[in-house]
PDB file of N, CA and C in Angstrom:
ATOM      1  N   MET A   1      68.072 160.356  22.161  1.00  0.00           N
ATOM      2  CA  MET A   1      68.672 159.041  22.127  1.00  0.00           C
ATOM      3  C   MET A   1      70.075 159.168  21.544  1.00  0.00           C
ATOM      4  N   GLU A   2      70.987 158.439  22.119  1.00  0.00           N
ATOM      5  CA  GLU A   2      72.373 158.469  21.657  1.00  0.00           C
ATOM      6  C   GLU A   2      72.517 157.788  20.308  1.00  0.00           C
ATOM      7  N   LYS A   3      73.558 158.172  19.593  1.00  0.00           N
ATOM      8  CA  LYS A   3      73.845 157.541  18.294  1.00  0.00           C
ATOM      9  C   LYS A   3      74.168 156.066  18.503  1.00  0.00           C
ATOM     10  N   GLY A   4      73.832 155.279  17.502  1.00  0.00           N
ATOM     11  CA  GLY A   4      74.178 153.869  17.543  1.00  0.00           C
ATOM     12  C   GLY A   4      73.086 152.974  18.107  1.00  0.00           C
ATOM     13  N   TRP A   5      71.988 153.531  18.584  1.00  0.00           N
ATOM     14  CA  TRP A   5      70.890 152.725  19.097  1.00  0.00           C
ATOM     15  C   TRP A   5      69.984 152.343  17.935  1.00  0.00           C
ATOM     16  N   LYS A   6      69.464 151.127  17.969  1.00  0.00           N
ATOM     17  CA  LYS A   6      68.652 150.601  16.867  1.00  0.00           C
ATOM     18  C   LYS A   6      67.281 150.166  17.374  1.00  0.00           C
ATOM     19  N   GLU A   7      66.275 150.442  16.574  1.00  0.00           N
ATOM     20  CA  GLU A   7      64.916 150.006  16.885  1.00  0.00           C
ATOM     21  C   GLU A   7      64.788 148.524  16.538  1.00  0.00           C
ATOM     22  N   VAL A   8      64.341 147.721  17.516  1.00  0.00           N
ATOM     23  CA  VAL A   8      64.208 146.285  17.279  1.00  0.00           C
ATOM     24  C   VAL A   8      62.768 145.801  17.394  1.00  0.00           C
ATOM     25  N   PHE A   9      61.887 146.663  17.896  1.00  0.00           N
ATOM     26  CA  PHE A   9      60.495 146.253  18.056  1.00  0.00           C
ATOM     27  C   PHE A   9      59.621 147.497  18.049  1.00  0.00           C
ATOM     28  N   LEU A  10      58.497 147.405  17.350  1.00  0.00           N
ATOM     29  CA  LEU A  10      57.565 148.525  17.248  1.00  0.00           C
ATOM     30  C   LEU A  10      56.156 147.980  17.420  1.00  0.00           C
ATOM     31  N   THR A  11      55.363 148.622  18.283  1.00  0.00           N
ATOM     32  CA  THR A  11      54.014 148.150  18.556  1.00  0.00           C
ATOM     33  C   THR A  11      53.111 149.310  18.960  1.00  0.00           C
ATOM     34  N   VAL A  12      51.823 149.122  18.762  1.00  0.00           N
ATOM     35  CA  VAL A  12      50.850 150.113  19.235  1.00  0.00           C
ATOM     36  C   VAL A  12      50.366 149.755  20.632  1.00  0.00           C
ATOM     37  N   HIS A  13      50.747 148.568  21.108  1.00  0.00           N
ATOM     38  CA  HIS A  13      50.306 148.104  22.428  1.00  0.00           C
ATOM     39  C   HIS A  13      51.425 148.267  23.456  1.00  0.00           C
ATOM     40  N   GLU A  14      51.161 149.076  24.462  1.00  0.00           N
ATOM     41  CA  GLU A  14      52.168 149.363  25.480  1.00  0.00           C
ATOM     42  C   GLU A  14      52.639 148.086  26.188  1.00  0.00           C
ATOM     43  N   TYR A  15      51.718 147.181  26.486  1.00  0.00           N
ATOM     44  CA  TYR A  15      52.092 145.969  27.215  1.00  0.00           C
ATOM     45  C   TYR A  15      53.093 145.129  26.421  1.00  0.00           C
ATOM     46  N   GLN A  16      52.986 145.106  25.082  1.00  0.00           N
ATOM     47  CA  GLN A  16      53.933 144.339  24.269  1.00  0.00           C
ATOM     48  C   GLN A  16      55.331 144.949  24.335  1.00  0.00           C
ATOM     49  N   ALA A  17      55.401 146.260  24.389  1.00  0.00           N
ATOM     50  CA  ALA A  17      56.702 146.928  24.509  1.00  0.00           C
ATOM     51  C   ALA A  17      57.366 146.541  25.827  1.00  0.00           C
ATOM     52  N   TYR A  18      56.574 146.445  26.901  1.00  0.00           N
ATOM     53  CA  TYR A  18      57.141 146.081  28.199  1.00  0.00           C
ATOM     54  C   TYR A  18      57.531 144.606  28.251  1.00  0.00           C
ATOM     55  N   ILE A  19      56.814 143.755  27.560  1.00  0.00           N
ATOM     56  CA  ILE A  19      57.210 142.343  27.460  1.00  0.00           C
ATOM     57  C   ILE A  19      58.549 142.243  26.740  1.00  0.00           C
ATOM     58  N   ALA A  20      58.678 142.962  25.628  1.00  0.00           N
ATOM     59  CA  ALA A  20      59.936 142.966  24.876  1.00  0.00           C
ATOM     60  C   ALA A  20      61.072 143.494  25.744  1.00  0.00           C
ATOM     61  N   ARG A  21      60.826 144.566  26.465  1.00  0.00           N
ATOM     62  CA  ARG A  21      61.849 145.137  27.345  1.00  0.00           C
ATOM     63  C   ARG A  21      62.307 144.117  28.377  1.00  0.00           C
ATOM     64  N   ASP A  22      61.356 143.428  28.989  1.00  0.00           N
ATOM     65  CA  ASP A  22      61.701 142.455  30.031  1.00  0.00           C
ATOM     66  C   ASP A  22      62.513 141.290  29.468  1.00  0.00           C
ATOM     67  N   LEU A  23      62.151 140.810  28.271  1.00  0.00           N
ATOM     68  CA  LEU A  23      62.907 139.725  27.639  1.00  0.00           C
ATOM     69  C   LEU A  23      64.357 140.143  27.380  1.00  0.00           C
ATOM     70  N   LEU A  24      64.519 141.355  26.897  1.00  0.00           N
ATOM     71  CA  LEU A  24      65.862 141.842  26.593  1.00  0.00           C
ATOM     72  C   LEU A  24      66.673 142.095  27.861  1.00  0.00           C
ATOM     73  N   ARG A  25      66.040 142.640  28.880  1.00  0.00           N
ATOM     74  CA  ARG A  25      66.747 142.876  30.146  1.00  0.00           C
ATOM     75  C   ARG A  25      67.218 141.571  30.777  1.00  0.00           C
ATOM     76  N   GLU A  26      66.376 140.533  30.698  1.00  0.00           N
ATOM     77  CA  GLU A  26      66.756 139.228  31.247  1.00  0.00           C
ATOM     78  C   GLU A  26      67.997 138.678  30.563  1.00  0.00           C
ATOM     79  N   ALA A  27      68.201 139.044  29.299  1.00  0.00           N
ATOM     80  CA  ALA A  27      69.370 138.605  28.543  1.00  0.00           C
ATOM     81  C   ALA A  27      70.560 139.546  28.746  1.00  0.00           C
ATOM     82  N   GLY A  28      70.392 140.574  29.570  1.00  0.00           N
ATOM     83  CA  GLY A  28      71.476 141.499  29.854  1.00  0.00           C
ATOM     84  C   GLY A  28      71.679 142.576  28.804  1.00  0.00           C
ATOM     85  N   ILE A  29      70.662 142.812  27.981  1.00  0.00           N
ATOM     86  CA  ILE A  29      70.759 143.821  26.931  1.00  0.00           C
ATOM     87  C   ILE A  29      70.148 145.135  27.431  1.00  0.00           C
ATOM     88  N   PRO A  30      70.901 146.227  27.363  1.00  0.00           N
ATOM     89  CA  PRO A  30      70.330 147.532  27.723  1.00  0.00           C
ATOM     90  C   PRO A  30      69.199 147.863  26.751  1.00  0.00           C
ATOM     91  N   VAL A  31      68.114 148.399  27.266  1.00  0.00           N
ATOM     92  CA  VAL A  31      66.942 148.639  26.417  1.00  0.00           C
ATOM     93  C   VAL A  31      66.197 149.881  26.889  1.00  0.00           C
ATOM     94  N   VAL A  32      65.614 150.592  25.926  1.00  0.00           N
ATOM     95  CA  VAL A  32      64.807 151.782  26.215  1.00  0.00           C
ATOM     96  C   VAL A  32      63.513 151.683  25.407  1.00  0.00           C
ATOM     97  N   ILE A  33      62.409 152.055  26.045  1.00  0.00           N
ATOM     98  CA  ILE A  33      61.134 152.149  25.337  1.00  0.00           C
ATOM     99  C   ILE A  33      60.885 153.610  25.036  1.00  0.00           C
ATOM    100  N   MET A  34      60.627 153.895  23.768  1.00  0.00           N
ATOM    101  CA  MET A  34      60.316 155.262  23.364  1.00  0.00           C
ATOM    102  C   MET A  34      58.814 155.354  23.098  1.00  0.00           C
ATOM    103  N   ASN A  35      58.152 156.217  23.840  1.00  0.00           N
ATOM    104  CA  ASN A  35      56.720 156.429  23.673  1.00  0.00           C
ATOM    105  C   ASN A  35      56.515 157.472  22.584  1.00  0.00           C
ATOM    106  N   ARG A  36      55.979 157.035  21.457  1.00  0.00           N
ATOM    107  CA  ARG A  36      55.755 157.942  20.322  1.00  0.00           C
ATOM    108  C   ARG A  36      54.279 158.271  20.153  1.00  0.00           C
ATOM    109  N   ARG A  37      53.557 158.177  21.238  1.00  0.00           N
ATOM    110  CA  ARG A  37      52.138 158.509  21.173  1.00  0.00           C
ATOM    111  C   ARG A  37      51.955 160.013  21.170  1.00  0.00           C
ATOM    112  N   ASP A  38      50.934 160.454  20.467  1.00  0.00           N
ATOM    113  CA  ASP A  38      50.600 161.867  20.399  1.00  0.00           C
ATOM    114  C   ASP A  38      50.033 162.292  21.755  1.00  0.00           C
ATOM    115  N   SER A  39      50.574 163.310  22.362  1.00  0.00           N
ATOM    116  CA  SER A  39      50.195 163.707  23.714  1.00  0.00           C
ATOM    117  C   SER A  39      48.697 163.924  23.943  1.00  0.00           C
ATOM    118  N   PRO A  40      48.020 164.742  23.151  1.00  0.00           N
ATOM    119  CA  PRO A  40      46.603 164.987  23.437  1.00  0.00           C
ATOM    120  C   PRO A  40      45.706 163.783  23.143  1.00  0.00           C
ATOM    121  N   TYR A  41      46.129 162.934  22.220  1.00  0.00           N
ATOM    122  CA  TYR A  41      45.299 161.806  21.810  1.00  0.00           C
ATOM    123  C   TYR A  41      46.073 160.514  22.026  1.00  0.00           C
ATOM    124  N   GLN A  42      45.946 159.921  23.167  1.00  0.00           N
ATOM    125  CA  GLN A  42      46.731 158.743  23.524  1.00  0.00           C
ATOM    126  C   GLN A  42      46.337 157.483  22.751  1.00  0.00           C
ATOM    127  N   THR A  43      45.406 157.590  21.827  1.00  0.00           N
ATOM    128  CA  THR A  43      45.027 156.430  21.026  1.00  0.00           C
ATOM    129  C   THR A  43      45.823 156.326  19.731  1.00  0.00           C
ATOM    130  N   PHE A  44      46.584 157.363  19.388  1.00  0.00           N
ATOM    131  CA  PHE A  44      47.371 157.375  18.159  1.00  0.00           C
ATOM    132  C   PHE A  44      48.855 157.293  18.483  1.00  0.00           C
ATOM    133  N   GLY A  45      49.561 156.496  17.741  1.00  0.00           N
ATOM    134  CA  GLY A  45      51.005 156.411  17.934  1.00  0.00           C
ATOM    135  C   GLY A  45      51.442 155.009  18.305  1.00  0.00           C
ATOM    136  N   GLU A  46      52.716 154.898  18.631  1.00  0.00           N
ATOM    137  CA  GLU A  46      53.280 153.581  18.883  1.00  0.00           C
ATOM    138  C   GLU A  46      54.408 153.665  19.904  1.00  0.00           C
ATOM    139  N   PHE A  47      54.878 152.494  20.291  1.00  0.00           N
ATOM    140  CA  PHE A  47      55.993 152.363  21.223  1.00  0.00           C
ATOM    141  C   PHE A  47      57.135 151.669  20.491  1.00  0.00           C
ATOM    142  N   ALA A  48      58.317 152.245  20.570  1.00  0.00           N
ATOM    143  CA  ALA A  48      59.497 151.669  19.934  1.00  0.00           C
ATOM    144  C   ALA A  48      60.442 151.164  21.019  1.00  0.00           C
ATOM    145  N   VAL A  49      60.949 149.966  20.830  1.00  0.00           N
ATOM    146  CA  VAL A  49      61.937 149.388  21.736  1.00  0.00           C
ATOM    147  C   VAL A  49      63.283 149.498  21.032  1.00  0.00           C
ATOM    148  N   VAL A  50      64.242 150.150  21.673  1.00  0.00           N
ATOM    149  CA  VAL A  50      65.546 150.381  21.063  1.00  0.00           C
ATOM    150  C   VAL A  50      66.661 149.811  21.941  1.00  0.00           C
ATOM    151  N   VAL A  51      67.723 149.359  21.273  1.00  0.00           N
ATOM    152  CA  VAL A  51      68.877 148.763  21.955  1.00  0.00           C
ATOM    153  C   VAL A  51      70.158 149.300  21.318  1.00  0.00           C
ATOM    154  N   PRO A  52      71.291 149.167  22.008  1.00  0.00           N
ATOM    155  CA  PRO A  52      72.559 149.563  21.380  1.00  0.00           C
ATOM    156  C   PRO A  52      72.797 148.745  20.115  1.00  0.00           C
ATOM    157  N   GLY A  53      73.351 149.368  19.102  1.00  0.00           N
ATOM    158  CA  GLY A  53      73.554 148.733  17.802  1.00  0.00           C
ATOM    159  C   GLY A  53      74.287 147.407  17.847  1.00  0.00           C
ATOM    160  N   GLU A  54      75.256 147.287  18.754  1.00  0.00           N
ATOM    161  CA  GLU A  54      76.032 146.047  18.806  1.00  0.00           C
ATOM    162  C   GLU A  54      75.224 144.863  19.348  1.00  0.00           C
ATOM    163  N   THR A  55      74.057 145.127  19.920  1.00  0.00           N
ATOM    164  CA  THR A  55      73.203 144.046  20.442  1.00  0.00           C
ATOM    165  C   THR A  55      71.973 143.808  19.565  1.00  0.00           C
ATOM    166  N   GLU A  56      71.888 144.503  18.443  1.00  0.00           N
ATOM    167  CA  GLU A  56      70.700 144.441  17.591  1.00  0.00           C
ATOM    168  C   GLU A  56      70.385 143.020  17.118  1.00  0.00           C
ATOM    169  N   GLU A  57      71.377 142.294  16.638  1.00  0.00           N
ATOM    170  CA  GLU A  57      71.141 140.952  16.112  1.00  0.00           C
ATOM    171  C   GLU A  57      70.635 140.006  17.209  1.00  0.00           C
ATOM    172  N   THR A  58      71.259 140.050  18.361  1.00  0.00           N
ATOM    173  CA  THR A  58      70.830 139.211  19.481  1.00  0.00           C
ATOM    174  C   THR A  58      69.424 139.581  19.912  1.00  0.00           C
ATOM    175  N   ALA A  59      69.140 140.869  19.989  1.00  0.00           N
ATOM    176  CA  ALA A  59      67.812 141.332  20.383  1.00  0.00           C
ATOM    177  C   ALA A  59      66.752 140.856  19.400  1.00  0.00           C
ATOM    178  N   ASN A  60      67.038 140.949  18.116  1.00  0.00           N
ATOM    179  CA  ASN A  60      66.090 140.485  17.102  1.00  0.00           C
ATOM    180  C   ASN A  60      65.818 138.999  17.246  1.00  0.00           C
ATOM    181  N   ASP A  61      66.854 138.216  17.529  1.00  0.00           N
ATOM    182  CA  ASP A  61      66.672 136.780  17.730  1.00  0.00           C
ATOM    183  C   ASP A  61      65.765 136.499  18.934  1.00  0.00           C
ATOM    184  N   LEU A  62      65.977 137.241  20.013  1.00  0.00           N
ATOM    185  CA  LEU A  62      65.179 137.042  21.227  1.00  0.00           C
ATOM    186  C   LEU A  62      63.713 137.431  21.023  1.00  0.00           C
ATOM    187  N   LEU A  63      63.477 138.386  20.141  1.00  0.00           N
ATOM    188  CA  LEU A  63      62.111 138.911  19.966  1.00  0.00           C
ATOM    189  C   LEU A  63      61.366 138.283  18.793  1.00  0.00           C
ATOM    190  N   LYS A  64      61.942 137.297  18.131  1.00  0.00           N
ATOM    191  CA  LYS A  64      61.312 136.684  16.952  1.00  0.00           C
ATOM    192  C   LYS A  64      59.887 136.237  17.217  1.00  0.00           C
ATOM    193  N   GLU A  65      59.669 135.483  18.289  1.00  0.00           N
ATOM    194  CA  GLU A  65      58.332 134.965  18.568  1.00  0.00           C
ATOM    195  C   GLU A  65      57.352 136.072  18.932  1.00  0.00           C
ATOM    196  N   LEU A  66      57.824 137.089  19.629  1.00  0.00           N
ATOM    197  CA  LEU A  66      56.951 138.193  20.011  1.00  0.00           C
ATOM    198  C   LEU A  66      56.509 138.995  18.786  1.00  0.00           C
ATOM    199  N   LYS A  67      57.348 139.038  17.772  1.00  0.00           N
ATOM    200  CA  LYS A  67      57.019 139.798  16.551  1.00  0.00           C
ATOM    201  C   LYS A  67      55.979 139.105  15.697  1.00  0.00           C
ATOM    202  N   ASN A  68      55.790 137.803  15.884  1.00  0.00           N
ATOM    203  CA  ASN A  68      54.811 137.060  15.062  1.00  0.00           C
ATOM    204  C   ASN A  68      53.419 137.195  15.581  1.00  0.00           C
TER     205      ASN A  68
END
């Protein structure tokens, strides 16, 4: 991952990461999902949604309800 990208959402549920990604894309924010699951055991780990640092505040505002 390039420097300057910030994690704005973290979840153990893959579907929630994709919901967050879609919300951010609709707002025109570049977004990447990082799969941090352990390869042999797909039940452990999490998904991180990251955005460029300059969009972090806007992304956090958009994801407020999803984080609750």
